[in-house]
């Protein structure tokens, strides 16, 4: 397997293989475009730039010809020529086995050429609807990722090498891994046995001091002699579990907030089952966020709390505060939003998956009651980064027979949650599809017309520069919707690694600017990069709204809300 026969037959065989693969790409692409345009099979797309398509095809054929000739003319003792290289960060073909054999090197380079051709074809396909074009890009990427030669036994040299080196043990172990994952119903991304919620995850000391059918309220034990007079409530997303904010002590945002002298409370959402499948968006506001906020203020004898919402939790929190303000209530002194959308005009890659047909289907099937299963939700998020969260583990677990290493973040990522159907259907239609929250008075929530402009407490907005779920430019638009002074901070990395950037490790960087421009890119152009974690900067901002200090409370809860059970409570341990 170290050389390729230098013959016309070999060249013709490889050329035919490339053409067959390209035909498959073309047929799939045509089907997508026809679906997006509503055209019948075989009908030319109106407005198609035939010259651009012809030029693209000629370029693709020329590059393949260059690859075939380079492979044939390669000297036996020379490395394979590189006509095309993987994109930065693509590690699928980084193993030596891919370059040591011209056969496999040809396969990977031909694949990369075909993939590039397919992406460019999408870009010149005339689709007027921007979301339809985004869906084409998304589906094209799914096809490209799935057809990579690294994903298949017959075309992955690392599978062969590992099998030979282990005398077939890797094949046996890979089959065992596959059978185990089939039983679990999901691909293993980490060593599940290495973690236990409440033991080495979500183990910041505290107690559950309130619960209803929808959530438990956790109060954390103080770690300082004095604390801020105002309590601090965190509202995590209900689409996954709260302990992303409390993984292990060294990367726990919860523990950090407690160490900074805050009396910290956390909402732990219920992993709903069929009996709660009728819950609505209003239920999550009234029975969830607003109930938690009132309870926190009663426990601490405070008129107001400082509040933080993360992702969907931030959208829920802002909605709840808009409802409270419409009622003449003012239960919060400051608002922090982490990677949160209030304006959904560009909702990232998730937005391209939401259209009228898909939402109407959800409304018809589970909109009046039922569940979106956690496994389905997890599959959607994994598909957004299929090479990293699907195919990487298909190759490692099943082809190579490896066991994935222990990784707390991926354990959390696999700990799926269910969502009630009415909540989901309302959220998809009014946020992702119709973008109604940004319009003052457009949405009625909990019996009142909601207006984000009436939220008049100071707000701290954090977004992540490489976030594919909440694009930072769209998150920035929330500044013009809130009715008070806002501070915007842009962090490095993505949707999770951006917010979870511990001050103790002080890695990566963040950007600050005094600009109040309505245009996100103008704000960035005027910004300054600061090395390290953004957490200390946020702490300094939050201290402005502490309302002074007081001795740390000697007990958790209160006479009306005594501790029910130790943190992290029962709800977070419930499986989907």
Protein backbone atom coordinates (compact mmCIF):
# COMPACT_ATOMS: atom_id res chain seq x y z
CA UNK A 1 0.00 0.00 0.00
CA UNK A 2 3.04 2.28 -0.23
CA UNK A 3 2.89 2.91 -3.98
CA UNK A 4 0.33 3.37 -6.75
CA UNK A 5 0.51 1.45 -10.06
CA UNK A 6 1.65 3.87 -12.74
CA UNK A 7 -0.82 2.85 -15.42
CA UNK A 8 -3.60 4.29 -17.51
CA UNK A 9 -6.00 1.79 -15.94
CA UNK A 10 -5.29 3.13 -12.45
CA UNK A 11 -5.72 6.72 -13.61
CA UNK A 12 -8.97 5.91 -15.39
CA UNK A 13 -10.28 4.09 -12.32
CA UNK A 14 -9.53 7.03 -10.06
CA UNK A 15 -11.05 9.45 -12.57
CA UNK A 16 -14.25 7.40 -12.77
CA UNK A 17 -14.45 7.27 -8.98
CA UNK A 18 -14.17 11.04 -8.81
CA UNK A 19 -16.80 11.51 -11.50
CA UNK A 20 -19.24 9.17 -9.77
CA UNK A 21 -18.76 11.03 -6.50
CA UNK A 22 -19.26 14.34 -8.25
CA UNK A 23 -22.43 13.13 -9.97
CA UNK A 24 -23.82 12.20 -6.58
CA UNK A 25 -22.91 15.64 -5.25
CA UNK A 26 -24.56 17.29 -8.24
CA UNK A 27 -27.79 15.33 -7.93
CA UNK A 28 -28.09 16.11 -4.23
CA UNK A 29 -27.33 19.77 -4.80
CA UNK A 30 -29.91 19.98 -7.60
CA UNK A 31 -32.52 18.43 -5.33
CA UNK A 32 -31.80 21.02 -2.65
CA UNK A 33 -31.95 23.93 -5.06
CA UNK A 34 -35.19 22.68 -6.64
CA UNK A 35 -36.73 22.34 -3.21
CA UNK A 36 -35.61 25.81 -2.18
CA UNK A 37 -36.90 27.40 -5.40
CA UNK A 38 -40.02 25.28 -5.72
CA UNK A 39 -39.03 24.26 -9.25
CA UNK A 40 -39.84 20.92 -10.81
CA UNK A 41 -37.07 18.40 -11.53
CA UNK A 42 -35.31 19.11 -14.80
CA UNK A 43 -36.35 22.80 -14.96
CA UNK A 44 -33.43 25.23 -15.27
CA UNK A 45 -33.14 27.76 -12.47
CA UNK A 46 -34.30 31.23 -13.54
CA UNK A 47 -31.39 33.61 -13.51
CA UNK A 48 -28.70 30.93 -13.33
CA UNK A 49 -25.37 32.39 -14.42
CA UNK A 50 -24.45 29.74 -16.96
CA UNK A 51 -21.08 31.31 -17.66
CA UNK A 52 -20.18 31.24 -13.97
CA UNK A 53 -21.28 27.62 -13.76
CA UNK A 54 -19.31 26.72 -16.87
CA UNK A 55 -16.21 28.45 -15.52
CA UNK A 56 -16.60 26.67 -12.20
CA UNK A 57 -16.91 23.28 -13.88
CA UNK A 58 -13.90 23.93 -16.08
CA UNK A 59 -11.87 24.95 -13.05
CA UNK A 60 -12.93 21.83 -11.18
CA UNK A 61 -11.96 19.58 -14.10
CA UNK A 62 -8.63 21.36 -14.52
CA UNK A 63 -7.77 20.91 -10.84
CA UNK A 64 -8.62 17.22 -11.02
CA UNK A 65 -6.47 16.85 -14.10
CA UNK A 66 -3.66 18.57 -12.25
CA UNK A 67 -4.10 16.15 -9.34
CA UNK A 68 -4.13 13.04 -11.57
CA UNK A 69 -1.03 14.12 -13.46
CA UNK A 70 0.81 15.04 -10.27
CA UNK A 71 0.06 11.64 -8.81
CA UNK A 72 1.25 9.82 -11.95
CA UNK A 73 4.43 11.84 -12.25
CA UNK A 74 5.40 11.54 -8.59
CA UNK A 75 8.78 9.95 -7.95
CA UNK A 76 8.57 6.86 -5.69
CA UNK A 77 10.80 8.39 -3.03
CA UNK A 78 9.12 11.80 -3.03
CA UNK A 79 6.15 12.96 -0.93
CA UNK A 80 2.79 13.17 -2.63
CA UNK A 81 2.06 16.53 -4.30
CA UNK A 82 -0.48 18.75 -2.56
CA UNK A 83 -2.87 20.23 -5.10
CA UNK A 84 -5.38 21.09 -2.37
CA UNK A 85 -5.13 21.19 1.42
CA UNK A 86 -7.73 20.90 4.19
CA UNK A 87 -9.09 24.09 5.73
CA UNK A 88 -7.35 25.33 8.90
CA UNK A 89 -8.46 23.28 11.90
CA UNK A 90 -9.57 20.27 9.82
CA UNK A 91 -7.74 17.33 11.40
CA UNK A 92 -9.52 14.51 9.60
CA UNK A 93 -6.58 13.82 7.26
CA UNK A 94 -3.66 14.82 9.48
CA UNK A 95 -2.48 11.24 10.16
CA UNK A 96 0.67 10.07 8.36
CA UNK A 97 -1.21 7.15 6.81
CA UNK A 98 -3.02 9.58 4.48
CA UNK A 99 0.19 10.94 2.95
CA UNK A 100 2.25 7.75 2.93
CA UNK A 101 0.00 6.06 0.38
CA UNK A 102 -0.70 7.89 -2.91
CA UNK A 103 -3.98 5.96 -3.19
CA UNK A 104 -5.35 7.40 0.02
CA UNK A 105 -3.75 10.76 -0.63
CA UNK A 106 -5.56 10.89 -3.94
CA UNK A 107 -8.84 10.01 -2.23
CA UNK A 108 -8.53 12.81 0.30
CA UNK A 109 -7.45 15.43 -2.24
CA UNK A 110 -10.16 14.42 -4.73
CA UNK A 111 -12.69 14.67 -1.92
CA UNK A 112 -11.46 18.14 -0.96
CA UNK A 113 -11.66 19.31 -4.58
CA UNK A 114 -15.20 17.95 -4.92
CA UNK A 115 -16.24 19.50 -1.62
CA UNK A 116 -14.91 22.89 -2.67
CA UNK A 117 -16.73 22.61 -6.00
CA UNK A 118 -19.98 21.81 -4.26
CA UNK A 119 -19.68 24.76 -1.87
CA UNK A 120 -18.97 27.14 -4.76
CA UNK A 121 -21.90 25.76 -6.74
CA UNK A 122 -24.22 26.60 -3.88
CA UNK A 123 -22.98 30.18 -3.88
CA UNK A 124 -23.80 30.75 -7.57
CA UNK A 125 -27.18 29.00 -7.38
CA UNK A 126 -29.84 31.75 -7.72
CA UNK A 127 -31.97 31.62 -4.58
CA UNK A 128 -33.62 34.91 -3.65
CA UNK A 129 -34.60 33.90 -0.11
CA UNK A 130 -31.60 34.35 2.18
CA UNK A 131 -32.81 31.67 4.58
CA UNK A 132 -33.28 29.22 1.72
CA UNK A 133 -29.67 29.85 0.67
CA UNK A 134 -28.54 29.31 4.26
CA UNK A 135 -30.44 26.01 4.34
CA UNK A 136 -28.71 24.98 1.12
CA UNK A 137 -25.33 25.80 2.66
CA UNK A 138 -26.21 23.83 5.78
CA UNK A 139 -27.47 20.75 3.96
CA UNK A 140 -24.55 20.88 1.54
CA UNK A 141 -22.15 20.86 4.47
CA UNK A 142 -23.95 17.87 5.97
CA UNK A 143 -23.53 15.96 2.69
CA UNK A 144 -19.89 16.97 2.32
CA UNK A 145 -19.07 15.99 5.90
CA UNK A 146 -20.89 12.66 5.67
CA UNK A 147 -19.15 11.61 2.44
CA UNK A 148 -15.61 12.19 3.69
CA UNK A 149 -13.39 9.16 2.95
CA UNK A 150 -12.24 9.24 6.58
CA UNK A 151 -15.72 8.05 7.64
CA UNK A 152 -15.57 4.68 5.87
CA UNK A 153 -13.69 1.46 6.47
CA UNK A 154 -12.70 1.00 2.83
CA UNK A 155 -11.27 4.49 2.41
CA UNK A 156 -9.64 5.24 5.77
CA UNK A 157 -6.01 4.09 5.98
CA UNK A 158 -5.89 4.77 9.72
CA UNK A 159 -8.53 2.09 10.22
CA UNK A 160 -6.31 -0.40 8.35
CA UNK A 161 -3.15 0.59 10.19
CA UNK A 162 -4.79 0.46 13.61
CA UNK A 163 -6.31 -2.94 12.86
CA UNK A 164 -2.92 -4.32 11.79
CA UNK A 165 -1.10 -2.81 14.77
CA UNK A 166 -3.62 -4.28 17.22
CA UNK A 167 -4.01 -7.60 15.38
CA UNK A 168 -7.70 -6.92 14.88
CA UNK A 169 -8.41 -5.91 18.47
CA UNK A 170 -9.44 -2.41 17.35
CA UNK A 171 -12.15 -3.91 15.11
CA UNK A 172 -13.53 -6.01 17.96
CA UNK A 173 -13.49 -3.02 20.32
CA UNK A 174 -15.08 -0.78 17.70
CA UNK A 175 -17.97 -3.22 17.28
CA UNK A 176 -18.42 -3.32 21.06
CA UNK A 177 -18.41 0.47 21.19
CA UNK A 178 -21.02 0.60 18.44
CA UNK A 179 -23.29 -1.92 20.17
CA UNK A 180 -22.98 -0.04 23.47
CA UNK A 181 -23.88 3.25 21.80
CA UNK A 182 -26.84 1.68 20.00
CA UNK A 183 -28.11 0.58 23.39
CA UNK A 184 -27.64 4.11 24.79
CA UNK A 185 -29.22 5.65 21.72
CA UNK A 186 -26.42 8.17 21.15
CA UNK A 187 -22.76 8.45 20.18
CA UNK A 188 -20.41 8.49 23.17
CA UNK A 189 -18.38 11.70 23.27
CA UNK A 190 -16.70 11.16 26.63
CA UNK A 191 -16.16 8.56 29.32
CA UNK A 192 -19.56 8.69 31.04
CA UNK A 193 -18.27 6.69 34.02
CA UNK A 194 -15.77 9.44 34.85
CA UNK A 195 -18.41 11.93 36.00
CA UNK A 196 -21.31 12.12 38.41
CA UNK A 197 -23.51 15.16 38.87
CA UNK A 198 -23.28 16.24 42.49
CA UNK A 199 -19.99 14.45 43.00
CA UNK A 200 -17.34 15.84 40.64
CA UNK A 201 -19.74 18.02 38.63
CA UNK A 202 -22.15 20.63 40.03
CA UNK A 203 -20.59 20.29 43.46
CA UNK A 204 -20.51 23.90 44.67
CA UNK A 205 -21.97 23.64 48.23
CA UNK A 206 -25.54 24.79 48.71
CA UNK A 207 -29.13 23.65 49.15
CA UNK A 208 -32.45 23.59 47.34
CA UNK A 209 -34.62 26.15 49.13
CA UNK A 210 -37.72 26.10 46.91
CA UNK A 211 -39.27 23.86 44.30
CA UNK A 212 -42.38 23.55 42.18
CA UNK A 213 -43.25 21.31 39.25
CA UNK A 214 -41.09 23.36 36.86
CA UNK A 215 -37.87 24.15 38.72
CA UNK A 216 -35.83 23.92 41.88
CA UNK A 217 -34.17 27.00 43.34
CA UNK A 218 -30.64 26.44 44.65
CA UNK A 219 -28.97 28.78 47.13
CA UNK A 220 -25.19 28.43 47.41
CA UNK A 221 -23.27 28.63 50.67
CA UNK A 222 -21.21 31.79 51.16
CA UNK A 223 -17.41 31.61 50.81
CA UNK A 224 -16.68 35.12 52.11
CA UNK A 225 -17.27 36.80 55.46
CA UNK A 226 -19.25 39.63 53.88
CA UNK A 227 -21.55 39.56 50.87
CA UNK A 228 -23.32 42.02 48.61
CA UNK A 229 -26.58 43.17 50.12
CA UNK A 230 -28.43 42.38 46.91
CA UNK A 231 -28.71 38.67 46.01
CA UNK A 232 -27.74 37.34 42.59
CA UNK A 233 -29.99 35.01 40.55
CA UNK A 234 -28.82 32.98 37.53
CA UNK A 235 -31.30 31.83 34.87
CA UNK A 236 -29.72 29.09 32.73
CA UNK A 237 -31.17 27.78 29.45
CA UNK A 238 -33.93 25.20 29.79
CA UNK A 239 -32.73 23.39 26.66
CA UNK A 240 -29.87 21.89 28.66
CA UNK A 241 -28.82 21.59 32.29
CA UNK A 242 -27.63 24.39 34.53
CA UNK A 243 -24.31 22.85 35.50
CA UNK A 244 -22.58 24.20 32.43
CA UNK A 245 -22.18 27.12 34.85
CA UNK A 246 -20.94 24.81 37.61
CA UNK A 247 -18.81 22.08 36.06
CA UNK A 248 -15.78 21.60 38.31
CA UNK A 249 -14.34 24.05 40.88
CA UNK A 250 -11.60 25.30 38.55
CA UNK A 251 -14.04 26.27 35.77
CA UNK A 252 -17.25 26.96 37.72
CA UNK A 253 -18.84 30.34 37.07
CA UNK A 254 -21.10 29.71 40.07
CA UNK A 255 -18.21 29.17 42.45
CA UNK A 256 -16.43 32.24 41.08
CA UNK A 257 -19.52 34.40 41.64
CA UNK A 258 -19.79 33.11 45.23
CA UNK A 259 -16.09 33.79 45.83
CA UNK A 260 -16.63 37.39 44.72
CA UNK A 261 -18.98 37.94 47.64
CA UNK A 262 -22.38 37.30 46.07
CA UNK A 263 -25.31 35.41 47.57
CA UNK A 264 -25.90 33.23 44.54
CA UNK A 265 -29.13 31.49 43.55
CA UNK A 266 -29.63 29.19 40.56
CA UNK A 267 -32.72 27.97 38.72
CA UNK A 268 -32.51 24.22 38.03
CA UNK A 269 -35.14 23.51 35.36
CA UNK A 270 -37.13 20.27 35.39
CA UNK A 271 -36.25 17.71 32.73
CA UNK A 272 -39.89 17.47 31.73
CA UNK A 273 -41.69 14.21 31.07
CA UNK A 274 -45.09 13.55 29.46
CA UNK A 275 -47.04 14.83 32.48
CA UNK A 276 -45.55 18.30 31.94
CA UNK A 277 -45.81 18.28 28.17
CA UNK A 278 -48.47 21.02 28.23
CA UNK A 279 -46.19 23.74 29.68
CA UNK A 280 -46.07 27.01 27.75
CA UNK A 281 -43.69 29.96 27.36
CA UNK A 282 -45.89 31.87 29.83
CA UNK A 283 -45.50 29.05 32.36
CA UNK A 284 -41.71 29.33 32.17
CA UNK A 285 -42.00 33.07 32.81
CA UNK A 286 -44.67 33.08 35.52
CA UNK A 287 -44.06 29.79 37.32
CA UNK A 288 -40.35 29.88 36.52
CA UNK A 289 -38.38 33.13 36.32
CA UNK A 290 -40.76 35.48 38.11
CA UNK A 291 -41.50 32.97 40.87
CA UNK A 292 -37.78 32.42 41.40
CA UNK A 293 -37.09 36.16 41.49
CA UNK A 294 -39.84 36.82 44.04
CA UNK A 295 -38.62 33.92 46.17
CA UNK A 296 -35.00 35.13 46.14
CA UNK A 297 -36.04 38.62 47.19
CA UNK A 298 -38.22 37.24 50.00
CA UNK A 299 -35.49 34.94 51.31
CA UNK A 300 -32.96 37.77 51.42
CA UNK A 301 -35.36 40.51 52.49
CA UNK A 302 -34.39 42.51 49.44
CA UNK A 303 -36.57 44.57 47.11
CA UNK A 304 -34.34 43.80 44.15
CA UNK A 305 -31.83 41.21 42.92
CA UNK A 306 -29.09 41.31 40.34
CA UNK A 307 -29.95 38.81 37.61
CA UNK A 308 -28.13 36.92 34.85
CA UNK A 309 -29.51 34.92 31.92
CA UNK A 310 -27.54 32.59 29.65
CA UNK A 311 -28.62 31.83 26.06
CA UNK A 312 -32.34 30.93 26.01
CA UNK A 313 -32.34 31.65 29.73
CA UNK A 314 -31.44 35.23 28.84
CA UNK A 315 -34.36 35.49 26.40
CA UNK A 316 -36.68 34.11 29.09
CA UNK A 317 -35.25 36.48 31.70
CA UNK A 318 -35.62 39.56 29.49
CA UNK A 319 -39.20 38.50 28.66
CA UNK A 320 -39.98 38.05 32.35
CA UNK A 321 -38.56 41.47 33.24
CA UNK A 322 -40.63 43.03 30.44
CA UNK A 323 -43.72 41.42 31.95
CA UNK A 324 -42.79 42.64 35.44
CA UNK A 325 -42.20 46.19 34.18
CA UNK A 326 -45.55 46.17 32.36
CA UNK A 327 -47.16 45.28 35.69
CA UNK A 328 -45.43 48.19 37.42
CA UNK A 329 -42.97 45.91 39.24
CA UNK A 330 -39.21 46.42 39.43
CA UNK A 331 -37.69 43.26 40.96
CA UNK A 332 -34.17 43.54 39.51
CA UNK A 333 -31.41 46.14 39.89
CA UNK A 334 -29.13 44.98 37.08
CA UNK A 335 -29.29 42.57 34.15
CA UNK A 336 -26.51 40.42 32.68
CA UNK A 337 -27.12 38.55 29.41
CA UNK A 338 -24.64 35.95 28.16
CA UNK A 339 -24.78 34.92 24.47
CA UNK A 340 -28.46 35.89 24.28
CA UNK A 341 -30.72 36.81 21.37
CA UNK A 342 -33.42 39.46 21.81
CA UNK A 343 -33.51 40.33 18.12
CA UNK A 344 -33.65 37.17 15.98
CA UNK A 345 -33.11 38.82 12.58
CA UNK A 346 -30.02 36.65 12.08
CA UNK A 347 -30.35 33.64 14.34
CA UNK A 348 -27.27 31.81 13.12
CA UNK A 349 -27.26 28.26 11.84
CA UNK A 350 -30.25 27.28 13.96
CA UNK A 351 -32.27 29.97 12.23
CA UNK A 352 -31.72 28.43 8.81
CA UNK A 353 -33.43 25.25 10.04
CA UNK A 354 -36.64 27.07 11.00
CA UNK A 355 -39.23 27.82 8.33
CA UNK A 356 -43.03 28.02 8.16
CA UNK A 357 -43.40 24.36 7.24
CA UNK A 358 -41.24 23.06 10.09
CA UNK A 359 -42.90 25.29 12.68
CA UNK A 360 -46.38 24.40 11.45
CA UNK A 361 -45.46 20.73 11.77
CA UNK A 362 -44.36 21.23 15.38
CA UNK A 363 -47.55 23.14 16.14
CA UNK A 364 -49.68 20.38 14.64
CA UNK A 365 -47.89 17.52 16.39
CA UNK A 366 -46.80 18.78 19.82
CA UNK A 367 -48.03 22.38 19.89
CA UNK A 368 -51.01 21.53 22.11
CA UNK A 369 -49.13 19.04 24.25
CA UNK A 370 -46.26 16.61 23.96
CA UNK A 371 -42.48 16.61 24.07
CA UNK A 372 -39.49 17.39 21.93
CA UNK A 373 -37.22 14.56 23.05
CA UNK A 374 -33.80 15.46 24.33
CA UNK A 375 -32.18 13.05 21.90
CA UNK A 376 -33.67 14.95 18.95
CA UNK A 377 -32.55 18.27 20.36
CA UNK A 378 -29.03 16.93 20.93
CA UNK A 379 -28.88 15.64 17.35
CA UNK A 380 -29.73 19.07 15.98
CA UNK A 381 -26.95 20.75 17.94
CA UNK A 382 -24.46 18.03 17.00
CA UNK A 383 -25.31 18.48 13.32
CA UNK A 384 -24.24 22.12 13.55
CA UNK A 385 -20.69 20.85 14.05
CA UNK A 386 -20.94 17.39 12.52
CA UNK A 387 -17.21 16.83 11.95
CA UNK A 388 -16.42 17.61 15.58
CA UNK A 389 -19.47 16.14 17.32
CA UNK A 390 -20.50 13.24 15.08
CA UNK A 391 -17.95 11.98 12.57
CA UNK A 392 -14.99 12.50 14.85
CA UNK A 393 -16.49 9.95 17.24
CA UNK A 394 -17.73 7.62 14.51
CA UNK A 395 -14.13 7.31 13.32
CA UNK A 396 -12.53 7.21 16.77
CA UNK A 397 -15.04 4.98 18.55
CA UNK A 398 -16.08 2.56 15.80
CA UNK A 399 -13.35 2.50 13.14
CA UNK A 400 -10.36 2.77 15.48
CA UNK A 401 -11.95 1.17 18.54
CA UNK A 402 -10.94 3.97 20.90
CA UNK A 403 -12.66 5.04 24.07
CA UNK A 404 -13.28 8.80 24.18
CA UNK A 405 -11.38 10.59 26.97
CA UNK A 406 -13.05 12.09 30.02
CA UNK A 407 -14.20 15.64 29.30
CA UNK A 408 -16.66 17.43 31.60
CA UNK A 409 -18.04 19.75 28.92
CA UNK A 410 -18.88 16.86 26.58
CA UNK A 411 -20.49 14.93 29.45
CA UNK A 412 -22.77 17.94 29.98
CA UNK A 413 -23.36 18.17 26.23
CA UNK A 414 -24.61 14.56 26.22
CA UNK A 415 -26.88 15.02 29.25
CA UNK A 416 -29.97 15.76 27.18
CA UNK A 417 -33.17 17.52 28.23
CA UNK A 418 -36.74 17.30 26.95
CA UNK A 419 -38.80 20.37 26.07
CA UNK A 420 -42.59 20.74 26.31
CA UNK A 421 -44.18 21.03 22.88
CA UNK A 422 -46.31 24.19 23.44
CA UNK A 423 -43.26 26.04 24.82
CA UNK A 424 -41.12 25.01 21.85
CA UNK A 425 -43.73 25.76 19.16
CA UNK A 426 -44.43 29.24 20.58
CA UNK A 427 -40.72 29.98 20.89
CA UNK A 428 -39.92 28.91 17.33
CA UNK A 429 -42.76 30.89 15.79
CA UNK A 430 -42.49 34.10 17.78
CA UNK A 431 -38.72 34.29 18.06
CA UNK A 432 -36.97 32.45 15.22
CA UNK A 433 -39.66 32.67 12.56
CA UNK A 434 -41.45 36.00 13.10
CA UNK A 435 -38.94 37.85 15.34
CA UNK A 436 -41.73 39.40 17.40
CA UNK A 437 -39.93 40.08 20.70
CA UNK A 438 -38.10 43.11 19.32
CA UNK A 439 -41.39 44.87 18.43
CA UNK A 440 -42.80 46.83 21.42
CA UNK A 441 -46.21 45.51 22.43
CA UNK A 442 -46.31 42.86 19.68
CA UNK A 443 -46.24 39.89 22.05
CA UNK A 444 -48.68 39.28 24.86
CA UNK A 445 -47.02 37.30 27.62
CA UNK A 446 -48.66 36.44 30.93
CA UNK A 447 -51.60 38.71 30.10
CA UNK A 448 -49.62 41.90 29.32
CA UNK A 449 -48.09 43.47 26.23
CA UNK A 450 -44.33 43.04 26.48
CA UNK A 451 -41.93 45.88 25.65
CA UNK A 452 -38.20 45.34 26.15
CA UNK A 453 -37.78 49.11 26.09
CA UNK A 454 -39.40 49.31 29.54
CA UNK A 455 -36.55 47.29 31.07
CA UNK A 456 -34.71 50.24 32.56
CA UNK A 457 -32.03 48.66 34.78
CA UNK A 458 -28.36 48.77 33.69
CA UNK A 459 -27.44 45.82 31.47
CA UNK A 460 -24.21 43.95 30.73
CA UNK A 461 -24.28 42.05 27.43
CA UNK A 462 -21.63 39.44 26.64
CA UNK A 463 -21.28 37.70 23.27
CA UNK A 464 -18.70 35.32 21.79
CA UNK A 465 -16.91 36.21 18.58
CA UNK A 466 -17.01 32.70 17.06
CA UNK A 467 -20.49 31.75 18.29
CA UNK A 468 -22.36 29.77 15.61
CA UNK A 469 -25.58 29.55 17.66
CA UNK A 470 -25.89 33.20 18.74
CA UNK A 471 -24.01 35.38 16.22
CA UNK A 472 -22.38 38.17 18.17
CA UNK A 473 -23.52 40.87 15.74
CA UNK A 474 -27.13 39.84 16.33
CA UNK A 475 -26.65 39.66 20.09
CA UNK A 476 -25.30 43.21 19.86
CA UNK A 477 -28.67 44.37 18.48
CA UNK A 478 -30.14 43.80 21.95
CA UNK A 479 -28.49 47.04 23.07
CA UNK A 480 -30.97 49.17 21.12
CA UNK A 481 -33.97 47.22 22.44
CA UNK A 482 -33.35 47.64 26.18
CA UNK A 483 -34.43 50.90 27.76
CA UNK A 484 -31.34 51.66 29.81
CA UNK A 485 -27.57 52.02 29.71
CA UNK A 486 -25.83 48.93 28.32
CA UNK A 487 -22.26 47.66 28.49
CA UNK A 488 -21.22 45.29 25.71
CA UNK A 489 -18.26 42.90 25.94
CA UNK A 490 -17.14 40.57 23.16
CA UNK A 491 -15.25 37.43 24.14
CA UNK A 492 -13.10 35.11 22.11
CA UNK A 493 -14.13 31.56 21.16
CA UNK A 494 -17.60 30.06 20.82
CA UNK A 495 -20.99 29.67 22.44
CA UNK A 496 -19.73 27.75 25.48
CA UNK A 497 -15.97 28.30 25.67
CA UNK A 498 -16.50 32.06 25.37
CA UNK A 499 -18.61 32.49 28.53
CA UNK A 500 -16.86 29.68 30.44
CA UNK A 501 -13.41 31.31 30.53
CA UNK A 502 -12.25 30.98 34.15
CA UNK A 503 -10.42 33.88 35.71
CA UNK A 504 -8.03 31.42 37.42
CA UNK A 505 -6.73 30.24 34.03
CA UNK A 506 -6.97 33.72 32.46
CA UNK A 507 -6.82 32.44 28.88
CA UNK A 508 -7.99 33.87 25.57
CA UNK A 509 -9.11 37.51 25.41
CA UNK A 510 -12.05 39.90 25.13
CA UNK A 511 -12.82 43.23 23.48
CA UNK A 512 -14.03 46.48 25.08
CA UNK A 513 -15.25 49.73 23.55
CA UNK A 514 -16.95 52.93 24.70
CA UNK A 515 -18.71 53.13 21.34
CA UNK A 516 -22.50 53.15 21.41
CA UNK A 517 -22.82 52.68 17.64
CA UNK A 518 -25.92 50.91 16.40
CA UNK A 519 -23.68 48.91 14.05
CA UNK A 520 -21.81 46.00 15.64
CA UNK A 521 -18.85 46.12 13.27
CA UNK A 522 -18.35 49.82 14.01
CA UNK A 523 -18.25 48.98 17.70
CA UNK A 524 -15.63 46.32 17.03
CA UNK A 525 -13.52 48.69 14.91
CA UNK A 526 -13.35 51.06 17.89
CA UNK A 527 -12.65 48.31 20.44
CA UNK A 528 -9.51 47.32 22.31
CA UNK A 529 -8.45 43.71 22.87
CA UNK A 530 -7.75 42.74 26.47
CA UNK A 531 -5.87 39.54 27.21
CA UNK A 532 -7.34 37.05 29.68
CA UNK A 533 -10.74 36.22 31.15
CA UNK A 534 -13.65 38.67 31.02
CA UNK A 535 -14.93 37.52 34.41
CA UNK A 536 -13.03 40.12 36.52
CA UNK A 537 -14.29 42.94 34.28
CA UNK A 538 -17.86 41.74 34.79
CA UNK A 539 -17.29 41.46 38.57
CA UNK A 540 -16.18 45.09 38.74
CA UNK A 541 -19.29 46.11 36.79
CA UNK A 542 -21.63 44.08 39.02
CA UNK A 543 -20.21 45.53 42.26
CA UNK A 544 -21.72 48.89 41.30
CA UNK A 545 -25.16 47.39 41.97
CA UNK A 546 -24.41 45.46 45.16
CA UNK A 547 -26.23 48.02 47.38
CA UNK A 548 -23.40 47.81 49.89
CA UNK A 549 -22.19 44.88 51.96
CA UNK A 550 -23.45 42.88 54.92
CA UNK A 551 -22.22 39.89 56.95
CA UNK A 552 -22.69 36.59 55.13
CA UNK A 553 -25.87 34.79 56.12
CA UNK A 554 -25.35 32.02 58.64
CA UNK A 555 -27.95 29.69 57.14
CA UNK A 556 -29.45 28.93 53.76
CA UNK A 557 -33.06 29.69 52.97
CA UNK A 558 -35.32 31.31 55.54
CA UNK A 559 -38.10 30.46 57.97
CA UNK A 560 -40.57 30.45 55.07
CA UNK A 561 -38.20 28.64 52.73
CA UNK A 562 -36.15 26.09 54.66
CA UNK A 563 -33.62 23.87 52.85
CA UNK A 564 -35.22 20.90 51.11
CA UNK A 565 -32.15 18.91 50.06
CA UNK A 566 -28.45 19.53 49.34
CA UNK A 567 -27.38 21.07 46.04
CA UNK A 568 -27.52 20.28 43.19
CA UNK A 569 -30.92 18.73 43.94
CA UNK A 570 -32.98 16.01 42.30
CA UNK A 571 -34.15 17.77 39.16
CA UNK A 572 -30.75 18.13 37.53
CA UNK A 573 -30.11 14.41 37.90
CA UNK A 574 -33.25 13.39 36.01
CA UNK A 575 -32.51 11.86 32.62
CA UNK A 576 -34.38 12.60 29.41
